[in-house]
N, C-alpha and C. Protein backbone atom coordinates (compact mmCIF):
# COMPACT_ATOMS: atom_id res chain seq x y z
N MET A 1 -57.45 70.86 240.01
CA MET A 1 -57.65 69.63 238.95
C MET A 1 -59.01 68.85 240.27
N ASP A 2 -60.31 68.41 240.06
CA ASP A 2 -61.31 67.17 240.83
C ASP A 2 -60.63 68.25 241.82
N HIS A 3 -60.85 69.48 241.96
CA HIS A 3 -61.00 70.27 243.61
C HIS A 3 -61.95 71.28 243.68
N ALA A 4 -63.02 70.83 244.66
CA ALA A 4 -63.79 72.10 244.59
C ALA A 4 -63.84 72.73 245.49
N VAL A 5 -63.70 74.23 245.57
CA VAL A 5 -63.31 74.86 246.58
C VAL A 5 -64.30 74.98 247.30
N GLN A 6 -64.27 74.77 249.04
CA GLN A 6 -65.44 76.04 249.86
C GLN A 6 -65.41 77.38 249.80
N LEU A 7 -66.70 78.04 250.21
CA LEU A 7 -66.65 79.06 250.48
C LEU A 7 -65.87 79.34 251.26
N GLN A 8 -65.23 78.98 252.31
CA GLN A 8 -65.08 78.82 253.88
C GLN A 8 -63.53 79.06 253.70
N ASP A 9 -63.04 77.98 252.96
CA ASP A 9 -61.55 77.78 252.65
C ASP A 9 -60.69 79.21 252.07
N LEU A 10 -61.91 80.21 251.64
CA LEU A 10 -61.46 81.66 250.72
C LEU A 10 -60.82 81.93 251.68
N PRO A 11 -60.14 83.54 251.13
CA PRO A 11 -59.22 83.30 249.71
C PRO A 11 -57.95 82.33 250.15
N ILE A 12 -57.48 81.85 248.46
CA ILE A 12 -56.75 80.60 248.14
C ILE A 12 -55.75 81.09 248.13
N ARG A 13 -54.23 80.41 248.49
CA ARG A 13 -53.19 81.33 247.57
C ARG A 13 -52.16 80.42 247.00
N VAL A 14 -52.03 80.65 246.13
CA VAL A 14 -51.07 78.92 245.33
C VAL A 14 -49.54 79.91 244.38
N ALA A 15 -48.57 79.56 244.66
CA ALA A 15 -47.37 80.09 244.13
C ALA A 15 -47.46 79.13 242.94
N CYS A 16 -46.93 78.91 241.73
CA CYS A 16 -45.83 77.97 240.69
C CYS A 16 -45.20 78.38 240.08
N SER A 17 -44.15 77.60 239.49
CA SER A 17 -43.14 78.07 239.48
C SER A 17 -42.99 77.13 237.85
N SER A 18 -42.55 78.14 236.84
CA SER A 18 -42.98 77.37 235.46
C SER A 18 -41.37 77.27 234.88
N THR A 19 -40.58 76.85 233.80
CA THR A 19 -39.98 77.23 232.47
C THR A 19 -40.32 77.73 231.65
N CYS A 20 -39.73 79.19 230.97
CA CYS A 20 -40.70 79.91 229.93
C CYS A 20 -39.62 79.99 229.60
N TYR A 21 -39.71 80.33 227.85
CA TYR A 21 -38.44 80.72 226.89
C TYR A 21 -39.35 82.23 226.10
N ARG A 22 -38.21 82.88 225.72
CA ARG A 22 -38.64 83.87 225.34
C ARG A 22 -37.74 84.41 223.97
N ALA A 23 -38.13 84.71 222.95
CA ALA A 23 -37.47 85.26 222.02
C ALA A 23 -37.05 86.64 222.33
N GLU A 24 -35.26 86.56 221.91
CA GLU A 24 -34.67 87.22 222.34
C GLU A 24 -34.99 88.71 221.49
N THR A 25 -34.63 89.89 221.71
CA THR A 25 -35.39 90.88 220.60
C THR A 25 -34.45 90.98 218.93
N ASP A 26 -35.14 91.59 218.40
CA ASP A 26 -34.15 91.46 216.72
C ASP A 26 -32.87 92.93 217.34
N THR A 27 -32.04 92.33 217.41
CA THR A 27 -30.62 93.74 217.20
C THR A 27 -30.13 94.06 215.86
N GLY A 28 -30.71 93.16 214.46
CA GLY A 28 -30.53 93.66 213.18
C GLY A 28 -29.19 93.20 213.38
N ARG A 29 -28.14 92.29 213.99
CA ARG A 29 -27.00 92.18 213.97
C ARG A 29 -26.78 90.71 213.37
N GLU A 30 -27.84 90.15 213.66
CA GLU A 30 -28.00 88.53 213.49
C GLU A 30 -27.75 88.14 212.41
N PRO A 31 -27.21 87.23 211.48
CA PRO A 31 -27.12 86.92 210.84
C PRO A 31 -28.94 86.51 209.90
N TRP A 32 -29.30 86.37 208.91
CA TRP A 32 -30.48 85.48 208.64
C TRP A 32 -30.44 84.26 209.29
N GLY A 33 -31.26 83.77 209.47
CA GLY A 33 -31.66 82.46 209.90
C GLY A 33 -31.24 81.88 211.49
N LEU A 34 -30.65 83.25 212.16
CA LEU A 34 -30.46 82.73 213.97
C LEU A 34 -31.33 83.30 214.64
N TYR A 35 -32.05 82.36 215.75
CA TYR A 35 -33.01 82.58 216.59
C TYR A 35 -33.19 82.54 217.98
N ARG A 36 -32.60 83.77 218.46
CA ARG A 36 -32.31 82.98 220.00
C ARG A 36 -33.20 83.50 220.58
N VAL A 37 -33.32 82.78 222.01
CA VAL A 37 -34.17 82.57 222.82
C VAL A 37 -33.82 82.66 223.82
N HIS A 38 -34.26 82.68 225.56
CA HIS A 38 -33.79 82.96 227.02
C HIS A 38 -34.54 82.44 227.15
N GLN A 39 -34.07 81.01 228.13
CA GLN A 39 -34.83 80.17 228.89
C GLN A 39 -34.75 81.07 230.68
N PHE A 40 -35.65 81.00 230.69
CA PHE A 40 -35.81 81.46 232.79
C PHE A 40 -36.55 80.69 233.49
N THR A 41 -36.75 80.62 234.60
CA THR A 41 -37.94 79.90 235.65
C THR A 41 -38.61 81.21 236.29
N LYS A 42 -39.96 81.07 235.94
CA LYS A 42 -40.97 82.25 236.63
C LYS A 42 -41.38 81.95 238.00
N VAL A 43 -41.86 81.99 238.93
CA VAL A 43 -42.58 81.94 239.91
C VAL A 43 -44.01 82.82 239.57
N GLU A 44 -44.88 82.67 239.75
CA GLU A 44 -46.01 83.43 239.80
C GLU A 44 -47.08 83.19 240.88
N MET A 45 -47.40 84.06 241.37
CA MET A 45 -49.01 83.86 242.68
C MET A 45 -50.24 84.34 242.06
N PHE A 46 -51.48 83.29 242.31
CA PHE A 46 -52.48 83.56 242.25
C PHE A 46 -53.19 83.20 243.14
N GLY A 47 -54.74 83.76 242.82
CA GLY A 47 -54.98 84.10 244.22
C GLY A 47 -56.70 83.64 244.20
N VAL A 48 -57.59 83.24 244.75
CA VAL A 48 -58.82 82.42 244.05
C VAL A 48 -59.85 83.44 245.61
N THR A 49 -60.24 84.08 245.55
CA THR A 49 -61.74 85.17 246.10
C THR A 49 -62.75 85.05 246.43
N ALA A 50 -63.45 85.34 247.09
CA ALA A 50 -65.09 85.16 247.24
C ALA A 50 -65.01 86.90 246.51
N ALA A 51 -66.92 87.28 246.18
CA ALA A 51 -67.04 88.74 245.89
C ALA A 51 -68.09 89.29 246.68
N GLU A 52 -68.65 88.86 248.09
CA GLU A 52 -68.85 88.68 249.60
C GLU A 52 -68.94 90.82 249.75
N ARG A 53 -67.65 90.79 249.97
CA ARG A 53 -67.75 92.18 249.77
C ARG A 53 -67.30 93.38 248.62
N GLY A 54 -66.71 92.53 247.58
CA GLY A 54 -66.27 93.29 246.38
C GLY A 54 -65.09 93.99 246.39
N THR A 55 -64.11 93.98 248.21
CA THR A 55 -62.86 94.19 248.16
C THR A 55 -61.43 93.27 248.31
N GLU A 56 -62.34 92.07 248.32
CA GLU A 56 -61.12 90.86 248.82
C GLU A 56 -60.17 90.51 247.54
N SER A 57 -60.65 90.64 245.88
CA SER A 57 -59.41 91.14 245.37
C SER A 57 -57.80 91.88 245.53
N GLU A 58 -58.39 93.17 245.69
CA GLU A 58 -57.90 94.48 245.67
C GLU A 58 -56.87 93.60 246.79
N GLU A 59 -57.62 93.23 247.85
CA GLU A 59 -56.78 92.99 249.55
C GLU A 59 -55.74 91.68 248.67
N LEU A 60 -56.50 90.63 248.49
CA LEU A 60 -55.49 89.73 248.46
C LEU A 60 -54.38 90.62 247.14
N LEU A 61 -54.34 91.39 246.47
CA LEU A 61 -52.97 91.99 245.40
C LEU A 61 -52.81 92.87 245.89
N ASP A 62 -53.09 93.59 247.09
CA ASP A 62 -52.12 94.27 247.86
C ASP A 62 -51.18 93.28 249.05
N GLU A 63 -51.96 92.36 249.75
CA GLU A 63 -50.72 91.11 249.78
C GLU A 63 -50.15 90.60 249.15
N PHE A 64 -50.22 90.49 247.93
CA PHE A 64 -49.20 89.55 246.82
C PHE A 64 -47.96 90.58 246.44
N LEU A 65 -48.23 92.03 246.59
CA LEU A 65 -47.06 92.72 246.52
C LEU A 65 -46.31 93.63 247.83
N GLY A 66 -47.07 93.46 248.34
CA GLY A 66 -46.39 93.32 249.85
C GLY A 66 -45.43 92.26 249.71
N LEU A 67 -45.40 90.87 249.81
CA LEU A 67 -45.07 90.06 249.74
C LEU A 67 -43.42 90.11 248.46
N GLN A 68 -44.14 90.86 247.34
CA GLN A 68 -43.17 91.17 246.29
C GLN A 68 -41.76 92.03 246.93
N LYS A 69 -42.43 93.20 247.29
CA LYS A 69 -41.38 93.95 248.14
C LYS A 69 -40.69 93.21 249.02
N GLU A 70 -41.19 92.59 250.06
CA GLU A 70 -40.53 92.58 251.15
C GLU A 70 -39.10 91.45 250.20
N ILE A 71 -39.96 90.44 249.27
CA ILE A 71 -38.40 89.55 248.58
C ILE A 71 -37.45 90.27 247.72
N PHE A 72 -37.81 91.22 247.18
CA PHE A 72 -36.72 91.68 246.85
C PHE A 72 -35.74 92.95 247.54
N SER A 73 -37.09 93.70 248.60
CA SER A 73 -36.20 94.48 249.49
C SER A 73 -34.70 93.35 250.23
N GLU A 74 -35.35 91.87 250.53
CA GLU A 74 -34.47 91.17 251.18
C GLU A 74 -33.61 90.69 250.69
N LEU A 75 -33.46 90.33 248.93
CA LEU A 75 -32.89 90.03 247.98
C LEU A 75 -31.31 91.06 247.78
N GLY A 76 -32.06 92.47 248.23
CA GLY A 76 -31.49 93.79 247.42
C GLY A 76 -31.39 93.98 245.80
N LEU A 77 -32.66 92.99 245.72
CA LEU A 77 -32.67 93.58 244.53
C LEU A 77 -33.53 94.89 243.74
N HIS A 78 -33.12 95.61 242.97
CA HIS A 78 -34.36 97.03 242.84
C HIS A 78 -35.38 96.87 241.73
N TYR A 79 -36.51 97.43 242.07
CA TYR A 79 -37.81 96.94 241.32
C TYR A 79 -38.80 99.09 241.29
N ARG A 80 -39.82 98.13 240.65
CA ARG A 80 -40.86 99.05 240.43
C ARG A 80 -42.51 98.93 240.09
């Protein structure tokens, strides 16, 4: 907000965290009127690129994907 992005500053990489709530899937076993939600914190990566060559967005996406794979591997978590 209130920040002008200069072309020479691109690409910009930002990570944000937020608390989220997601309704639990209906299993049909809950009594009428019961509403369950899961609370979790998620981290999202955002990027802003220029479109000078036309490949910048794809390159940044590949960079983010590589970072995610590295993080999950180091934590010993499975991913697809």
